[in-house]
Amino acid sequence: QAMHGLSELAKLRVLRDAGQRLEFVNELIRACAYRAVPSPVRRELHSAIADWLIEGKHSQQATGLEKAWHCARAGRWPEAVPRPRGPHGVAS
């Protein structure tokens, strides 16, 4: 069902192919679509994306900023804020 919806949005030129992902053709459309999703659902989706990025089960390496962004948007602040590392590279 989700794939059908994405396909329809691409046909309507709301989304475009950006290599290995789809992106909105316009920032205003993206912002409106984002705000149309209820906050609890957005948090849940950000949390699922954060898990996916942290687990590394994707073809591209995610940056720490991408992981932190999704953790923060999911309300997972302890994971979003980097912790200082000690002399042996271990988070304190």
N, C-alpha and C. Protein backbone atom coordinates (compact mmCIF):
# COMPACT_ATOMS: atom_id res chain seq x y z
N GLN A 1 0.83 -1.19 0.00
CA GLN A 1 0.00 0.00 0.00
C GLN A 1 0.88 1.26 0.00
N ALA A 2 1.92 1.24 0.81
CA ALA A 2 2.83 2.40 0.85
C ALA A 2 3.54 2.57 -0.48
N MET A 3 3.99 1.48 -1.07
CA MET A 3 4.69 1.56 -2.35
C MET A 3 3.76 2.11 -3.44
N HIS A 4 2.49 1.70 -3.40
CA HIS A 4 1.52 2.21 -4.38
C HIS A 4 1.37 3.72 -4.21
N GLY A 5 1.27 4.17 -2.97
CA GLY A 5 1.15 5.60 -2.69
C GLY A 5 2.37 6.38 -3.17
N LEU A 6 3.54 5.85 -2.93
CA LEU A 6 4.77 6.52 -3.37
C LEU A 6 4.84 6.57 -4.90
N SER A 7 4.41 5.49 -5.52
CA SER A 7 4.39 5.44 -6.99
C SER A 7 3.44 6.50 -7.55
N GLU A 8 2.28 6.62 -6.93
CA GLU A 8 1.31 7.63 -7.37
C GLU A 8 1.87 9.04 -7.20
N LEU A 9 2.53 9.29 -6.08
CA LEU A 9 3.12 10.62 -5.85
C LEU A 9 4.22 10.92 -6.87
N ALA A 10 4.97 9.91 -7.25
CA ALA A 10 6.00 10.10 -8.27
C ALA A 10 5.35 10.41 -9.62
N LYS A 11 4.27 9.70 -9.96
CA LYS A 11 3.56 9.96 -11.22
C LYS A 11 3.00 11.38 -11.26
N LEU A 12 2.56 11.87 -10.10
CA LEU A 12 2.01 13.22 -10.01
C LEU A 12 3.11 14.28 -9.91
N ARG A 13 4.36 13.84 -9.91
CA ARG A 13 5.54 14.72 -9.82
C ARG A 13 5.60 15.50 -8.51
N VAL A 14 5.14 14.84 -7.45
CA VAL A 14 5.29 15.39 -6.11
C VAL A 14 6.60 14.89 -5.53
N LEU A 15 6.97 13.66 -5.89
CA LEU A 15 8.24 13.05 -5.50
C LEU A 15 9.07 12.84 -6.76
N ARG A 16 10.40 12.86 -6.59
CA ARG A 16 11.29 12.56 -7.72
C ARG A 16 12.36 11.57 -7.27
N ASP A 17 12.90 10.89 -8.24
CA ASP A 17 13.95 9.92 -8.00
C ASP A 17 15.24 10.67 -7.69
N ALA A 18 15.86 10.34 -6.55
CA ALA A 18 17.12 10.97 -6.16
C ALA A 18 18.17 9.87 -5.94
N GLY A 19 18.31 9.00 -6.90
CA GLY A 19 19.26 7.90 -6.77
C GLY A 19 18.63 6.73 -6.06
N GLN A 20 19.08 6.47 -4.84
CA GLN A 20 18.56 5.34 -4.08
C GLN A 20 17.39 5.72 -3.17
N ARG A 21 16.84 6.88 -3.37
CA ARG A 21 15.72 7.33 -2.54
C ARG A 21 14.83 8.26 -3.34
N LEU A 22 13.70 8.56 -2.78
CA LEU A 22 12.79 9.55 -3.37
C LEU A 22 12.87 10.82 -2.54
N GLU A 23 12.65 11.96 -3.19
CA GLU A 23 12.61 13.22 -2.46
C GLU A 23 11.48 14.08 -3.00
N PHE A 24 10.99 14.98 -2.17
CA PHE A 24 9.96 15.90 -2.61
C PHE A 24 10.56 16.88 -3.61
N VAL A 25 9.77 17.28 -4.59
CA VAL A 25 10.27 18.21 -5.60
C VAL A 25 10.33 19.64 -5.08
N ASN A 26 9.68 19.89 -3.95
CA ASN A 26 9.58 21.24 -3.43
C ASN A 26 9.57 21.19 -1.91
N GLU A 27 10.31 22.06 -1.28
CA GLU A 27 10.41 22.08 0.18
C GLU A 27 9.06 22.41 0.84
N LEU A 28 8.28 23.26 0.23
CA LEU A 28 6.97 23.62 0.79
C LEU A 28 6.04 22.40 0.80
N ILE A 29 6.06 21.62 -0.27
CA ILE A 29 5.25 20.40 -0.33
C ILE A 29 5.73 19.42 0.74
N ARG A 30 7.04 19.30 0.92
CA ARG A 30 7.58 18.41 1.94
C ARG A 30 7.12 18.83 3.32
N ALA A 31 7.20 20.12 3.60
CA ALA A 31 6.80 20.63 4.92
C ALA A 31 5.30 20.41 5.17
N CYS A 32 4.48 20.63 4.16
CA CYS A 32 3.03 20.41 4.32
C CYS A 32 2.73 18.94 4.56
N ALA A 33 3.38 18.06 3.82
CA ALA A 33 3.16 16.62 3.99
C ALA A 33 3.62 16.19 5.39
N TYR A 34 4.75 16.70 5.84
CA TYR A 34 5.29 16.36 7.15
C TYR A 34 4.32 16.78 8.26
N ARG A 35 3.80 17.99 8.15
CA ARG A 35 2.88 18.51 9.17
C ARG A 35 1.53 17.81 9.15
N ALA A 36 1.17 17.19 8.03
CA ALA A 36 -0.10 16.49 7.93
C ALA A 36 -0.09 15.16 8.69
N VAL A 37 1.10 14.67 9.00
CA VAL A 37 1.22 13.41 9.75
C VAL A 37 1.11 13.74 11.24
N PRO A 38 0.23 13.07 11.97
CA PRO A 38 0.09 13.36 13.41
C PRO A 38 1.42 13.17 14.16
N SER A 39 1.66 14.02 15.15
CA SER A 39 2.92 13.99 15.91
C SER A 39 3.30 12.61 16.43
N PRO A 40 2.39 11.86 17.05
CA PRO A 40 2.78 10.54 17.54
C PRO A 40 3.26 9.60 16.41
N VAL A 41 2.64 9.73 15.25
CA VAL A 41 3.05 8.89 14.11
C VAL A 41 4.42 9.34 13.61
N ARG A 42 4.64 10.66 13.55
CA ARG A 42 5.96 11.17 13.13
C ARG A 42 7.05 10.65 14.05
N ARG A 43 6.80 10.71 15.38
CA ARG A 43 7.80 10.23 16.34
C ARG A 43 8.08 8.75 16.13
N GLU A 44 7.03 7.98 15.91
CA GLU A 44 7.18 6.55 15.68
C GLU A 44 8.00 6.27 14.41
N LEU A 45 7.72 7.03 13.35
CA LEU A 45 8.45 6.85 12.11
C LEU A 45 9.91 7.25 12.27
N HIS A 46 10.17 8.37 12.95
CA HIS A 46 11.55 8.78 13.20
C HIS A 46 12.28 7.74 14.02
N SER A 47 11.61 7.15 14.99
CA SER A 47 12.23 6.12 15.82
C SER A 47 12.59 4.89 15.00
N ALA A 48 11.69 4.49 14.12
CA ALA A 48 11.96 3.33 13.26
C ALA A 48 13.12 3.61 12.32
N ILE A 49 13.19 4.82 11.78
CA ILE A 49 14.31 5.18 10.90
C ILE A 49 15.60 5.22 11.68
N ALA A 50 15.57 5.77 12.90
CA ALA A 50 16.76 5.81 13.74
C ALA A 50 17.27 4.39 14.00
N ASP A 51 16.38 3.48 14.34
CA ASP A 51 16.77 2.09 14.56
C ASP A 51 17.42 1.50 13.32
N TRP A 52 16.81 1.75 12.18
CA TRP A 52 17.31 1.23 10.90
C TRP A 52 18.71 1.77 10.61
N LEU A 53 18.91 3.08 10.85
CA LEU A 53 20.21 3.69 10.61
C LEU A 53 21.26 3.16 11.59
N ILE A 54 20.90 3.06 12.85
CA ILE A 54 21.83 2.60 13.88
C ILE A 54 22.23 1.15 13.64
N GLU A 55 21.28 0.31 13.22
CA GLU A 55 21.58 -1.10 12.96
C GLU A 55 22.44 -1.28 11.72
N GLY A 56 22.47 -0.30 10.85
CA GLY A 56 23.31 -0.36 9.66
C GLY A 56 22.83 -1.35 8.61
N LYS A 57 21.54 -1.62 8.57
CA LYS A 57 21.00 -2.58 7.60
C LYS A 57 20.56 -1.88 6.31
N HIS A 58 21.43 -1.05 5.78
CA HIS A 58 21.13 -0.32 4.56
C HIS A 58 22.41 -0.22 3.75
N SER A 59 22.29 0.22 2.51
CA SER A 59 23.43 0.20 1.60
C SER A 59 24.41 1.36 1.79
N GLN A 60 23.96 2.45 2.37
CA GLN A 60 24.84 3.61 2.54
C GLN A 60 25.12 3.87 4.01
N GLN A 61 26.30 4.35 4.29
CA GLN A 61 26.69 4.69 5.66
C GLN A 61 25.97 5.96 6.10
N ALA A 62 25.25 5.89 7.20
CA ALA A 62 24.56 7.07 7.74
C ALA A 62 25.53 7.86 8.61
N THR A 63 25.42 9.18 8.57
CA THR A 63 26.27 10.01 9.40
C THR A 63 25.71 10.05 10.82
N GLY A 64 26.55 10.44 11.75
CA GLY A 64 26.11 10.61 13.13
C GLY A 64 25.01 11.65 13.23
N LEU A 65 25.10 12.67 12.38
CA LEU A 65 24.08 13.73 12.40
C LEU A 65 22.72 13.18 11.97
N GLU A 66 22.71 12.33 10.94
CA GLU A 66 21.44 11.74 10.50
C GLU A 66 20.83 10.88 11.61
N LYS A 67 21.66 10.09 12.26
CA LYS A 67 21.17 9.24 13.36
C LYS A 67 20.66 10.11 14.50
N ALA A 68 21.42 11.14 14.85
CA ALA A 68 21.03 12.03 15.96
C ALA A 68 19.73 12.77 15.64
N TRP A 69 19.58 13.21 14.38
CA TRP A 69 18.37 13.92 13.98
C TRP A 69 17.14 13.06 14.21
N HIS A 70 17.18 11.83 13.72
CA HIS A 70 16.02 10.95 13.85
C HIS A 70 15.78 10.56 15.31
N CYS A 71 16.85 10.36 16.07
CA CYS A 71 16.68 10.07 17.51
C CYS A 71 16.03 11.25 18.21
N ALA A 72 16.49 12.45 17.90
CA ALA A 72 15.92 13.65 18.53
C ALA A 72 14.45 13.82 18.16
N ARG A 73 14.13 13.67 16.89
CA ARG A 73 12.74 13.82 16.45
C ARG A 73 11.84 12.75 17.04
N ALA A 74 12.45 11.60 17.42
CA ALA A 74 11.69 10.52 18.05
C ALA A 74 11.58 10.71 19.55
N GLY A 75 12.25 11.76 20.08
CA GLY A 75 12.24 11.98 21.52
C GLY A 75 13.24 11.11 22.26
N ARG A 76 14.17 10.53 21.55
CA ARG A 76 15.20 9.66 22.14
C ARG A 76 16.47 10.49 22.38
N TRP A 77 16.35 11.47 23.28
CA TRP A 77 17.43 12.42 23.51
C TRP A 77 18.74 11.81 23.97
N PRO A 78 18.75 10.82 24.86
CA PRO A 78 20.05 10.25 25.26
C PRO A 78 20.86 9.70 24.09
N GLU A 79 20.16 9.18 23.08
CA GLU A 79 20.86 8.66 21.91
C GLU A 79 21.22 9.76 20.91
N ALA A 80 20.51 10.88 20.98
CA ALA A 80 20.74 11.96 20.02
C ALA A 80 21.93 12.83 20.39
N VAL A 81 22.21 12.94 21.69
CA VAL A 81 23.28 13.82 22.16
C VAL A 81 24.56 13.01 22.33
N PRO A 82 25.61 13.39 21.60
CA PRO A 82 26.86 12.63 21.74
C PRO A 82 27.44 12.76 23.14
N ARG A 83 28.00 11.67 23.62
CA ARG A 83 28.64 11.68 24.94
C ARG A 83 30.15 11.82 24.75
N PRO A 84 30.81 12.53 25.67
CA PRO A 84 32.26 12.67 25.58
C PRO A 84 32.93 11.30 25.66
N ARG A 85 34.00 11.15 24.95
CA ARG A 85 34.73 9.89 24.95
C ARG A 85 35.98 10.03 25.81
N GLY A 86 36.26 8.96 26.53
CA GLY A 86 37.44 8.94 27.39
C GLY A 86 38.70 8.68 26.58
N PRO A 87 39.83 8.50 27.24
CA PRO A 87 41.10 8.35 26.55
C PRO A 87 41.19 7.10 25.68
N HIS A 88 40.35 6.11 25.92
CA HIS A 88 40.40 4.87 25.15
C HIS A 88 39.26 4.78 24.14
N GLY A 89 38.62 5.91 23.83
CA GLY A 89 37.56 5.95 22.84
C GLY A 89 36.24 5.41 23.32
N VAL A 90 36.10 5.21 24.62
CA VAL A 90 34.87 4.67 25.19
C VAL A 90 34.05 5.83 25.74
N ALA A 91 32.75 5.83 25.42
CA ALA A 91 31.88 6.89 25.94
C ALA A 91 31.81 6.80 27.45
N SER A 92 31.91 7.95 28.09
CA SER A 92 31.88 7.97 29.56
C SER A 92 30.48 8.20 30.07
